[in-house]
Amino acid sequence: MRGLKSLVSGVCAAVAAVALGQVAPAQAAGWPERPVQVIVPWSAGGGTDATGRIIAKMLQDEFHQPFNVVNRTGGGGVVGHTAIAQAPADGYTIGVMTIEIATYKALGQSQLSGAKDFTPIALYNIDPGAFYVAADSSFKDARDVVAKLKADPKKYKLASGSAIGGAWHMAFGIALQKAGVDPGQFNWIASQGAAPALQELIAGGTDIVPCSLPEAKSLLDAKKIRAMAVLSHTRLKAYPDVPTAKEAMGVDVEAGAWRGIAGPKGMPKDVTEKLTKALDKIHKSAEFQKFMNDRGFGLAWKAGPDFAKFIEQSEVDSAKVLKAIGLAK
């Protein structure tokens, strides 16, 4: 009888544990036992895609399971970020989180919070912005861009290498504002990433595109576009010929974007620990450091709670900037 009671008690405890989700970490002990999906909220060919793919490749090498990159574009990154947040929290869907997640509430696009609705795993990159014109553009230099935009703002089209209100829109808006130009008066063209925006620039569909230098590298090397300035206090080592905003425009500006790896809220602790350990190893590796440095991507590192606090502060800062450039109340 005592044995029967013990058996019943054990079954009840097991049922209760399942109901409370207490066995999820134990079930994840063998993770990954099948392919993992890596969602990139931006189009193929851009900086987020490039860094996401090298990380996915190195995670695949580390865990000996496929880490498959899926580009989920749309809504200025909202579609992809939402797909990450709404995926099962079993460790088999993670994704690249970008600075845009910190803008959605202020812009009224989504109520998603990067710190509260996700499992922040690790920040790996911070990049300053830059802005470009086509190789045959009539703009002579950055000061000429400022002068002409100030004189006739409705004449020119600007295509951000991110969404309206996204990282590069905010960065260029800050630069224009500091140069005495109202950034809210232009014809901004929405884009699903730097690659399509830069192609539009070459095709003549837009006049100016802000995005990072690494995202524009291939077109800069092919001399199809010209970089006017980098929005940083110092020139980037990988792009020594691109002047800072201070040098090119007479205003000191540092503005840009960040990227990190995150998963759905409530991921098993052992999975996040495995991922954090693997990402730390990747971040310190010669292969990743060379990849990032050769392309001019800025390296950064914050994991777990530190990354969550970073996201929260980014939301506060982004709201202030968006309000200043007229995109949020």
Protein backbone atom coordinates (compact mmCIF):
# COMPACT_ATOMS: atom_id res chain seq x y z
CA MET A 1 0.00 0.00 0.00
CA ARG A 2 2.83 2.31 0.95
CA GLY A 3 4.51 1.49 -2.40
CA LEU A 4 1.28 2.29 -4.28
CA LYS A 5 1.02 5.63 -2.50
CA SER A 6 4.62 6.41 -3.40
CA LEU A 7 3.96 5.51 -7.05
CA VAL A 8 0.83 7.69 -7.18
CA SER A 9 2.69 10.52 -5.47
CA GLY A 10 5.52 10.26 -7.98
CA VAL A 11 3.13 10.28 -10.95
CA CYS A 12 1.31 13.33 -9.56
CA ALA A 13 4.60 15.13 -9.06
CA ALA A 14 5.64 14.35 -12.61
CA VAL A 15 2.30 15.57 -13.99
CA ALA A 16 2.59 18.75 -11.94
CA ALA A 17 6.12 19.31 -13.19
CA VAL A 18 4.96 18.98 -16.79
CA ALA A 19 2.05 21.35 -16.16
CA LEU A 20 4.43 23.91 -14.68
CA GLY A 21 6.97 23.45 -17.46
CA GLN A 22 9.58 22.29 -14.96
CA VAL A 23 10.88 19.47 -17.11
CA ALA A 24 11.72 21.69 -20.11
CA PRO A 25 15.35 22.24 -19.07
CA ALA A 26 15.85 18.49 -18.58
CA GLN A 27 14.34 17.80 -21.99
CA ALA A 28 16.72 20.35 -23.49
CA ALA A 29 19.77 18.64 -21.98
CA GLY A 30 20.68 17.07 -25.33
CA TRP A 31 20.17 20.30 -27.28
CA PRO A 32 20.66 20.63 -30.19
CA GLU A 33 19.39 17.28 -31.41
CA ARG A 34 18.03 18.66 -34.69
CA PRO A 35 18.49 21.74 -36.94
CA VAL A 36 18.15 25.21 -35.40
CA GLN A 37 16.48 28.09 -37.25
CA VAL A 38 18.25 31.48 -37.16
CA ILE A 39 15.88 34.30 -38.11
CA VAL A 40 17.36 37.45 -39.67
CA PRO A 41 14.80 40.30 -39.74
CA TRP A 42 16.46 41.97 -42.74
CA SER A 43 17.15 41.10 -46.37
CA ALA A 44 20.03 39.02 -47.69
CA GLY A 45 23.15 40.97 -48.56
CA GLY A 46 23.05 43.51 -45.74
CA GLY A 47 25.21 43.75 -42.64
CA THR A 48 22.75 41.98 -40.35
CA ASP A 49 22.52 39.11 -42.81
CA ALA A 50 26.30 38.90 -43.21
CA THR A 51 27.05 38.81 -39.49
CA GLY A 52 24.11 36.49 -38.82
CA ARG A 53 25.37 34.01 -41.40
CA ILE A 54 28.95 33.87 -40.09
CA ILE A 55 27.62 33.30 -36.56
CA ALA A 56 25.20 30.60 -37.78
CA LYS A 57 28.03 28.87 -39.65
CA MET A 58 30.28 28.91 -36.59
CA LEU A 59 27.49 27.69 -34.29
CA GLN A 60 26.94 24.84 -36.74
CA ASP A 61 30.63 23.97 -36.55
CA GLU A 62 30.48 24.13 -32.75
CA PHE A 63 27.35 22.00 -32.22
CA HIS A 64 27.50 19.74 -35.32
CA GLN A 65 23.91 20.49 -36.24
CA PRO A 66 22.59 22.76 -39.04
CA PHE A 67 21.90 26.38 -38.03
CA ASN A 68 19.74 27.52 -40.94
CA VAL A 69 19.43 31.25 -41.66
CA VAL A 70 15.95 32.42 -42.67
CA ASN A 71 15.41 36.02 -43.80
CA ARG A 72 12.03 37.20 -42.50
CA THR A 73 11.68 40.73 -43.85
CA GLY A 74 8.88 43.25 -43.66
CA GLY A 75 7.52 46.02 -41.48
CA GLY A 76 10.92 47.54 -40.83
CA GLY A 77 12.12 44.42 -39.03
CA VAL A 78 8.85 43.95 -37.11
CA VAL A 79 7.98 40.74 -39.02
CA GLY A 80 11.30 39.05 -38.23
CA HIS A 81 11.49 40.18 -34.62
CA THR A 82 7.89 39.06 -34.06
CA ALA A 83 8.70 35.66 -35.58
CA ILE A 84 11.55 35.23 -33.09
CA ALA A 85 9.37 36.30 -30.14
CA GLN A 86 6.47 34.02 -31.10
CA ALA A 87 8.52 30.89 -31.82
CA PRO A 88 8.44 27.95 -29.39
CA ALA A 89 10.89 28.62 -26.56
CA ASP A 90 12.64 25.28 -26.99
CA GLY A 91 15.96 26.56 -28.31
CA TYR A 92 15.31 25.55 -31.91
CA THR A 93 14.57 29.11 -33.06
CA ILE A 94 16.88 32.01 -32.32
CA GLY A 95 17.58 35.16 -34.29
CA VAL A 96 19.52 38.35 -34.80
CA MET A 97 18.05 41.23 -32.80
CA THR A 98 18.81 44.73 -34.10
CA ILE A 99 18.51 48.25 -32.71
CA GLU A 100 15.12 48.63 -34.42
CA ILE A 101 13.54 46.55 -31.65
CA ALA A 102 14.22 49.55 -29.39
CA THR A 103 12.22 51.89 -31.66
CA TYR A 104 8.94 50.05 -32.23
CA LYS A 105 7.08 51.29 -29.16
CA ALA A 106 8.04 54.92 -29.73
CA LEU A 107 6.99 54.66 -33.39
CA GLY A 108 3.75 52.86 -32.57
CA GLN A 109 4.70 49.91 -34.79
CA SER A 110 4.68 47.17 -32.16
CA GLN A 111 4.53 46.69 -28.40
CA LEU A 112 7.43 44.24 -28.45
CA SER A 113 10.11 44.88 -25.86
CA GLY A 114 13.57 43.46 -26.53
CA ALA A 115 14.28 42.94 -22.85
CA LYS A 116 10.85 41.65 -21.74
CA ASP A 117 9.50 39.64 -24.69
CA PHE A 118 12.69 37.80 -25.65
CA THR A 119 15.57 35.88 -24.11
CA PRO A 120 18.52 38.24 -24.73
CA ILE A 121 21.58 36.04 -25.22
CA ALA A 122 24.49 38.19 -26.40
CA LEU A 123 25.31 41.53 -28.01
CA TYR A 124 28.13 41.11 -30.54
CA ASN A 125 28.29 44.26 -32.67
CA ILE A 126 27.95 48.05 -32.60
CA ASP A 127 28.45 50.02 -35.86
CA PRO A 128 28.57 53.74 -36.63
CA GLY A 129 26.46 54.93 -39.54
CA ALA A 130 27.64 56.58 -42.76
CA PHE A 131 25.88 58.06 -45.80
CA TYR A 132 26.37 57.67 -49.54
CA VAL A 133 25.57 59.11 -52.94
CA ALA A 134 25.85 57.51 -56.37
CA ALA A 135 29.22 57.70 -58.10
CA ASP A 136 27.83 60.11 -60.71
CA SER A 137 25.84 62.22 -58.23
CA SER A 138 25.99 66.02 -58.50
CA PHE A 139 26.81 66.19 -54.78
CA LYS A 140 30.46 67.16 -54.42
CA ASP A 141 30.98 66.32 -50.75
CA ALA A 142 29.18 66.18 -47.38
CA ARG A 143 29.03 69.97 -46.98
CA ASP A 144 27.45 70.20 -50.43
CA VAL A 145 24.86 67.58 -49.37
CA VAL A 146 23.95 69.66 -46.30
CA ALA A 147 23.77 72.90 -48.30
CA LYS A 148 21.55 71.46 -51.03
CA LEU A 149 19.24 69.65 -48.60
CA LYS A 150 18.86 72.85 -46.61
CA ALA A 151 18.15 74.93 -49.75
CA ASP A 152 15.64 72.57 -51.40
CA PRO A 153 14.65 69.64 -49.12
CA LYS A 154 11.71 68.47 -51.25
CA LYS A 155 13.87 68.02 -54.34
CA TYR A 156 15.74 65.00 -53.01
CA LYS A 157 14.78 61.46 -52.04
CA LEU A 158 16.43 59.65 -49.15
CA ALA A 159 16.25 55.87 -48.78
CA SER A 160 17.29 54.64 -45.36
CA GLY A 161 19.30 51.41 -45.26
CA SER A 162 16.81 50.41 -42.57
CA ALA A 163 13.14 51.11 -41.89
CA ILE A 164 11.64 54.57 -41.49
CA GLY A 165 12.69 55.40 -37.95
CA GLY A 166 15.27 52.61 -38.00
CA ALA A 167 18.93 52.77 -37.05
CA TRP A 168 20.30 54.50 -40.13
CA HIS A 169 17.35 56.87 -40.43
CA MET A 170 17.91 57.93 -36.82
CA ALA A 171 21.68 58.23 -37.28
CA PHE A 172 21.44 60.42 -40.38
CA GLY A 173 18.60 62.41 -38.79
CA ILE A 174 20.86 63.23 -35.84
CA ALA A 175 23.65 64.33 -38.21
CA LEU A 176 21.31 66.56 -40.22
CA GLN A 177 19.84 68.06 -37.08
CA LYS A 178 23.29 68.93 -35.76
CA ALA A 179 24.11 70.48 -39.13
CA GLY A 180 21.07 72.75 -38.85
CA VAL A 181 18.78 70.83 -41.22
CA ASP A 182 15.28 69.68 -40.19
CA PRO A 183 15.37 65.89 -40.79
CA GLY A 184 11.59 65.55 -40.78
CA GLN A 185 10.93 67.37 -44.06
CA PHE A 186 12.39 64.97 -46.63
CA ASN A 187 10.93 62.33 -48.93
CA TRP A 188 12.08 59.22 -47.06
CA ILE A 189 11.68 55.94 -48.94
CA ALA A 190 11.07 52.81 -46.85
CA SER A 191 13.53 49.96 -47.30
CA GLN A 192 13.90 46.39 -46.09
CA GLY A 193 17.63 46.73 -45.60
CA ALA A 194 20.84 48.30 -46.85
CA ALA A 195 21.25 46.08 -49.91
CA PRO A 196 17.98 47.07 -51.65
CA ALA A 197 18.40 50.72 -50.61
CA LEU A 198 21.88 50.88 -52.16
CA GLN A 199 20.65 49.20 -55.34
CA GLU A 200 17.96 51.87 -55.53
CA LEU A 201 20.68 54.50 -55.16
CA ILE A 202 22.65 53.07 -58.09
CA ALA A 203 19.47 52.86 -60.18
CA GLY A 204 18.73 56.54 -59.59
CA GLY A 205 15.59 55.97 -57.58
CA THR A 206 16.97 57.83 -54.59
CA ASP A 207 19.67 60.45 -53.98
CA ILE A 208 21.15 59.59 -50.57
CA VAL A 209 21.34 56.38 -48.51
CA PRO A 210 22.56 56.13 -44.91
CA CYS A 211 23.79 52.74 -43.65
CA SER A 212 27.00 51.24 -42.26
CA LEU A 213 30.29 51.13 -44.16
CA PRO A 214 30.53 47.31 -44.14
CA GLU A 215 27.13 47.06 -45.81
CA ALA A 216 28.32 49.32 -48.63
CA LYS A 217 31.81 47.83 -49.01
CA SER A 218 31.31 45.91 -52.27
CA LEU A 219 29.75 48.91 -54.03
CA LEU A 220 32.40 51.26 -52.64
CA ASP A 221 35.12 48.91 -53.90
CA ALA A 222 33.41 48.81 -57.31
CA LYS A 223 33.27 52.64 -57.27
CA LYS A 224 29.53 52.63 -57.89
CA ILE A 225 28.84 54.81 -54.86
CA ARG A 226 30.74 57.42 -52.81
CA ALA A 227 30.88 57.63 -49.01
CA MET A 228 30.35 61.19 -47.80
CA ALA A 229 31.14 60.72 -44.10
CA VAL A 230 31.13 58.22 -41.24
CA LEU A 231 29.14 59.21 -38.15
CA SER A 232 31.91 58.50 -35.70
CA HIS A 233 34.38 60.50 -33.63
CA THR A 234 37.25 58.77 -35.42
CA ARG A 235 37.85 57.26 -38.85
CA LEU A 236 37.42 53.49 -39.09
CA LYS A 237 40.62 51.49 -39.61
CA ALA A 238 39.04 49.46 -42.40
CA TYR A 239 37.97 52.66 -44.22
CA PRO A 240 40.74 55.20 -43.62
CA ASP A 241 39.74 57.36 -46.61
CA VAL A 242 36.21 58.05 -45.33
CA PRO A 243 36.18 61.27 -43.29
CA THR A 244 34.32 61.69 -40.02
CA ALA A 245 31.26 63.95 -39.82
CA LYS A 246 33.41 66.49 -37.99
CA GLU A 247 35.92 66.54 -40.84
CA ALA A 248 33.37 66.44 -43.65
CA MET A 249 30.45 68.47 -42.25
CA GLY A 250 31.84 70.42 -39.32
CA VAL A 251 29.64 68.64 -36.78
CA ASP A 252 30.73 65.98 -34.30
CA VAL A 253 28.34 63.01 -34.48
CA GLU A 254 28.49 59.42 -33.25
CA ALA A 255 25.39 57.42 -34.15
CA GLY A 256 24.69 53.97 -35.49
CA ALA A 257 23.32 50.51 -34.82
CA TRP A 258 23.80 47.34 -32.76
CA ARG A 259 23.15 43.64 -33.27
CA GLY A 260 22.82 40.69 -30.94
CA ILE A 261 21.51 37.13 -30.66
CA ALA A 262 18.20 36.49 -28.88
CA GLY A 263 15.49 33.86 -28.62
CA PRO A 264 11.86 33.66 -27.52
CA LYS A 265 11.08 34.48 -23.90
CA GLY A 266 11.41 31.51 -21.52
CA MET A 267 14.12 29.49 -23.26
CA PRO A 268 15.58 26.66 -21.14
CA LYS A 269 18.42 27.88 -18.96
CA ASP A 270 20.82 25.18 -20.07
CA VAL A 271 20.26 26.08 -23.73
CA THR A 272 20.94 29.78 -23.16
CA GLU A 273 24.05 28.85 -21.17
CA LYS A 274 25.30 26.65 -24.02
CA LEU A 275 24.62 29.37 -26.56
CA THR A 276 26.24 32.09 -24.46
CA LYS A 277 29.35 29.97 -23.96
CA ALA A 278 29.53 29.14 -27.68
CA LEU A 279 28.97 32.76 -28.74
CA ASP A 280 31.66 33.96 -26.34
CA LYS A 281 34.05 31.44 -27.89
CA ILE A 282 33.06 32.57 -31.40
CA HIS A 283 33.41 36.25 -30.49
CA LYS A 284 36.97 35.69 -29.24
CA SER A 285 37.99 33.46 -32.16
CA ALA A 286 40.53 34.61 -34.75
CA GLU A 287 38.11 33.71 -37.56
CA PHE A 288 35.28 35.92 -36.27
CA GLN A 289 37.58 38.78 -35.27
CA LYS A 290 39.14 38.77 -38.75
CA PHE A 291 35.74 38.62 -40.46
CA MET A 292 34.47 41.60 -38.48
CA ASN A 293 37.65 43.67 -38.67
CA ASP A 294 38.23 43.09 -42.40
CA ARG A 295 34.73 44.38 -43.14
CA GLY A 296 34.77 47.20 -40.60
CA PHE A 297 32.10 45.80 -38.30
CA GLY A 298 32.48 47.08 -34.75
CA LEU A 299 32.98 44.41 -32.08
CA ALA A 300 31.07 44.53 -28.80
CA TRP A 301 30.14 42.03 -26.11
CA LYS A 302 27.39 41.93 -23.47
CA ALA A 303 25.69 38.71 -22.39
CA GLY A 304 22.46 37.79 -20.57
CA PRO A 305 21.33 40.39 -17.99
CA ASP A 306 23.92 42.91 -19.21
CA PHE A 307 22.53 42.65 -22.74
CA ALA A 308 18.97 43.03 -21.38
CA LYS A 309 19.95 46.25 -19.53
CA PHE A 310 21.64 47.52 -22.70
CA ILE A 311 18.40 46.96 -24.66
CA GLU A 312 16.33 48.76 -22.05
CA GLN A 313 18.63 51.78 -22.20
CA SER A 314 18.54 51.68 -26.00
CA GLU A 315 14.73 51.93 -25.88
CA VAL A 316 14.97 55.04 -23.68
CA ASP A 317 17.63 56.66 -25.88
CA SER A 318 15.83 55.81 -29.14
CA ALA A 319 12.58 57.36 -27.94
CA LYS A 320 14.40 60.61 -27.21
CA VAL A 321 16.07 60.66 -30.64
CA LEU A 322 12.87 59.81 -32.53
CA LYS A 323 11.06 62.60 -30.73
CA ALA A 324 13.86 65.03 -31.59
CA ILE A 325 13.64 64.22 -35.32
CA GLY A 326 9.86 64.40 -35.35
CA LEU A 327 8.96 60.73 -35.67
CA ALA A 328 7.58 60.15 -32.16
CA LYS A 329 5.49 62.18 -29.76
